[in-house]
């Protein structure tokens, strides 16, 4: 997956070397990784990621928002 064009999240702190990065693979799937551990990649679809983000925003996951 090193051939992917990784982009730093706009939510990451400017100048920080630890951030979430995202890339699109040749099959159209979203690839996510933490820059501190670039070998660990989560592969998902935009629909599944959108569903997760909506659930977190709605509090449906039990996650604590700060």
N, C-alpha and C. Protein backbone atom coordinates (compact mmCIF):
# COMPACT_ATOMS: atom_id res chain seq x y z
N UNK A 1 0.81 -1.20 0.00
CA UNK A 1 0.00 0.00 0.00
C UNK A 1 0.85 1.26 0.00
N UNK A 2 2.15 1.12 -0.08
CA UNK A 2 3.00 2.30 -0.06
C UNK A 2 2.88 3.12 -1.33
N UNK A 3 2.29 2.55 -2.39
CA UNK A 3 2.14 3.29 -3.64
C UNK A 3 0.97 4.27 -3.60
N UNK A 4 0.18 4.22 -2.57
CA UNK A 4 -0.98 5.09 -2.47
C UNK A 4 -0.56 6.53 -2.22
N UNK A 5 -1.37 7.45 -2.68
CA UNK A 5 -1.12 8.88 -2.47
C UNK A 5 -1.81 9.28 -1.15
N UNK A 6 -1.08 9.20 -0.06
CA UNK A 6 -1.63 9.49 1.26
C UNK A 6 -1.79 10.99 1.44
N UNK A 7 -2.92 11.38 2.04
CA UNK A 7 -3.19 12.79 2.33
C UNK A 7 -3.44 12.94 3.83
N UNK A 8 -2.87 13.96 4.39
CA UNK A 8 -3.04 14.25 5.82
C UNK A 8 -4.44 14.82 6.05
N UNK A 9 -5.07 14.39 7.11
CA UNK A 9 -6.38 14.90 7.46
C UNK A 9 -6.32 16.39 7.74
N UNK A 10 -7.35 17.11 7.33
CA UNK A 10 -7.42 18.54 7.61
C UNK A 10 -7.69 18.80 9.08
N UNK A 11 -8.08 17.76 9.84
CA UNK A 11 -8.32 17.90 11.27
C UNK A 11 -7.04 17.73 12.09
N UNK A 12 -5.94 17.35 11.44
CA UNK A 12 -4.68 17.19 12.15
C UNK A 12 -4.06 18.55 12.43
N UNK A 13 -3.29 18.62 13.50
CA UNK A 13 -2.66 19.88 13.87
C UNK A 13 -1.59 20.25 12.85
N UNK A 14 -1.56 21.51 12.41
CA UNK A 14 -0.52 21.95 11.49
C UNK A 14 0.86 21.76 12.11
N UNK A 15 1.79 21.24 11.35
CA UNK A 15 3.15 21.04 11.83
C UNK A 15 3.35 19.79 12.65
N UNK A 16 2.28 19.06 12.94
CA UNK A 16 2.39 17.84 13.73
C UNK A 16 2.84 16.68 12.85
N UNK A 17 3.64 15.78 13.44
CA UNK A 17 4.09 14.63 12.66
C UNK A 17 3.26 13.38 12.97
N UNK A 18 2.25 13.52 13.82
CA UNK A 18 1.32 12.42 14.06
C UNK A 18 -0.06 12.87 13.61
N UNK A 19 -0.60 12.14 12.67
CA UNK A 19 -1.89 12.53 12.12
C UNK A 19 -2.55 11.33 11.46
N UNK A 20 -3.81 11.49 11.17
CA UNK A 20 -4.53 10.50 10.40
C UNK A 20 -4.35 10.83 8.92
N UNK A 21 -4.06 9.79 8.14
CA UNK A 21 -3.89 9.98 6.70
C UNK A 21 -4.89 9.10 5.97
N UNK A 22 -5.32 9.55 4.82
CA UNK A 22 -6.31 8.83 4.02
C UNK A 22 -5.83 8.73 2.58
N UNK A 23 -6.18 7.62 1.94
CA UNK A 23 -5.85 7.43 0.52
C UNK A 23 -6.96 6.61 -0.11
N UNK A 24 -7.07 6.68 -1.40
CA UNK A 24 -8.05 5.92 -2.17
C UNK A 24 -7.28 4.88 -2.97
N UNK A 25 -7.66 3.60 -2.82
CA UNK A 25 -6.94 2.56 -3.58
C UNK A 25 -7.56 2.39 -4.97
N UNK A 26 -6.97 1.54 -5.77
CA UNK A 26 -7.41 1.37 -7.16
C UNK A 26 -8.81 0.78 -7.28
N UNK A 27 -9.31 0.15 -6.21
CA UNK A 27 -10.67 -0.41 -6.21
C UNK A 27 -11.69 0.59 -5.68
N UNK A 28 -11.24 1.81 -5.33
CA UNK A 28 -12.14 2.84 -4.83
C UNK A 28 -12.43 2.75 -3.35
N UNK A 29 -11.65 1.95 -2.63
CA UNK A 29 -11.83 1.83 -1.18
C UNK A 29 -10.99 2.87 -0.47
N UNK A 30 -11.48 3.29 0.70
CA UNK A 30 -10.74 4.25 1.52
C UNK A 30 -9.74 3.50 2.39
N UNK A 31 -8.54 4.01 2.45
CA UNK A 31 -7.48 3.45 3.29
C UNK A 31 -7.13 4.51 4.33
N UNK A 32 -7.11 4.12 5.59
CA UNK A 32 -6.83 5.03 6.68
C UNK A 32 -5.64 4.50 7.47
N UNK A 33 -4.79 5.42 7.94
CA UNK A 33 -3.67 5.01 8.77
C UNK A 33 -3.28 6.16 9.68
N UNK A 34 -2.59 5.82 10.75
CA UNK A 34 -1.99 6.79 11.67
C UNK A 34 -0.55 6.95 11.23
N UNK A 35 -0.10 8.17 11.03
CA UNK A 35 1.25 8.40 10.50
C UNK A 35 2.34 7.81 11.40
N UNK A 36 2.06 7.68 12.70
CA UNK A 36 3.07 7.11 13.61
C UNK A 36 3.24 5.61 13.39
N UNK A 37 2.23 4.94 12.83
CA UNK A 37 2.29 3.50 12.54
C UNK A 37 1.77 3.25 11.12
N UNK A 38 2.52 3.69 10.12
CA UNK A 38 2.03 3.63 8.73
C UNK A 38 1.80 2.23 8.18
N UNK A 39 2.33 1.21 8.85
CA UNK A 39 2.11 -0.16 8.38
C UNK A 39 0.74 -0.71 8.75
N UNK A 40 0.06 -0.05 9.69
CA UNK A 40 -1.28 -0.47 10.10
C UNK A 40 -2.31 0.33 9.31
N UNK A 41 -2.98 -0.34 8.38
CA UNK A 41 -3.92 0.34 7.49
C UNK A 41 -5.30 -0.27 7.66
N UNK A 42 -6.30 0.57 7.79
CA UNK A 42 -7.70 0.14 7.81
C UNK A 42 -8.26 0.42 6.42
N UNK A 43 -8.89 -0.57 5.83
CA UNK A 43 -9.49 -0.42 4.50
C UNK A 43 -11.00 -0.52 4.65
N UNK A 44 -11.72 0.45 4.12
CA UNK A 44 -13.17 0.49 4.26
C UNK A 44 -13.78 1.15 3.02
N UNK A 45 -15.08 1.32 3.05
CA UNK A 45 -15.77 2.04 1.97
C UNK A 45 -16.22 3.40 2.50
N UNK A 46 -16.51 4.30 1.61
CA UNK A 46 -16.96 5.62 2.05
C UNK A 46 -18.31 5.51 2.76
N UNK A 47 -19.16 4.57 2.34
CA UNK A 47 -20.45 4.37 2.99
C UNK A 47 -20.27 3.89 4.43
N UNK A 48 -19.43 2.89 4.63
CA UNK A 48 -19.20 2.37 5.98
C UNK A 48 -18.56 3.41 6.88
N UNK A 49 -17.60 4.16 6.37
CA UNK A 49 -16.96 5.20 7.18
C UNK A 49 -17.97 6.30 7.52
N UNK A 50 -18.78 6.68 6.57
CA UNK A 50 -19.82 7.68 6.83
C UNK A 50 -20.80 7.22 7.89
N UNK A 51 -21.19 5.94 7.83
CA UNK A 51 -22.09 5.38 8.84
C UNK A 51 -21.45 5.43 10.23
N UNK A 52 -20.17 5.07 10.32
CA UNK A 52 -19.45 5.11 11.60
C UNK A 52 -19.38 6.53 12.14
N UNK A 53 -19.02 7.49 11.30
CA UNK A 53 -18.89 8.87 11.75
C UNK A 53 -20.24 9.44 12.21
N UNK A 54 -21.32 9.10 11.50
CA UNK A 54 -22.65 9.54 11.93
C UNK A 54 -23.03 8.92 13.28
N UNK A 55 -22.72 7.64 13.46
CA UNK A 55 -23.03 6.97 14.72
C UNK A 55 -22.27 7.59 15.88
N UNK A 56 -21.00 7.91 15.66
CA UNK A 56 -20.21 8.55 16.70
C UNK A 56 -20.78 9.94 17.02
N UNK A 57 -21.10 10.71 15.98
CA UNK A 57 -21.64 12.05 16.18
C UNK A 57 -22.99 12.00 16.91
N UNK A 58 -23.77 10.96 16.65
CA UNK A 58 -25.08 10.81 17.29
C UNK A 58 -25.00 10.19 18.68
N UNK A 59 -23.81 9.73 19.06
CA UNK A 59 -23.64 9.10 20.37
C UNK A 59 -24.11 7.66 20.40
N UNK A 60 -24.36 7.06 19.25
CA UNK A 60 -24.92 5.71 19.18
C UNK A 60 -23.88 4.63 19.51
N UNK A 61 -22.62 4.96 19.58
CA UNK A 61 -21.59 3.94 19.81
C UNK A 61 -21.20 3.83 21.27
N UNK A 62 -21.68 4.74 22.09
CA UNK A 62 -21.26 4.76 23.49
C UNK A 62 -19.93 5.47 23.68
N UNK A 63 -19.36 6.01 22.59
CA UNK A 63 -18.09 6.72 22.67
C UNK A 63 -18.28 8.03 23.44
N UNK A 64 -17.25 8.41 24.17
CA UNK A 64 -17.28 9.66 24.93
C UNK A 64 -16.76 10.77 24.06
N UNK A 65 -17.55 11.81 23.88
CA UNK A 65 -17.12 12.97 23.10
C UNK A 65 -16.56 14.01 24.04
N UNK A 66 -15.45 14.60 23.66
CA UNK A 66 -14.83 15.64 24.50
C UNK A 66 -14.68 16.90 23.71
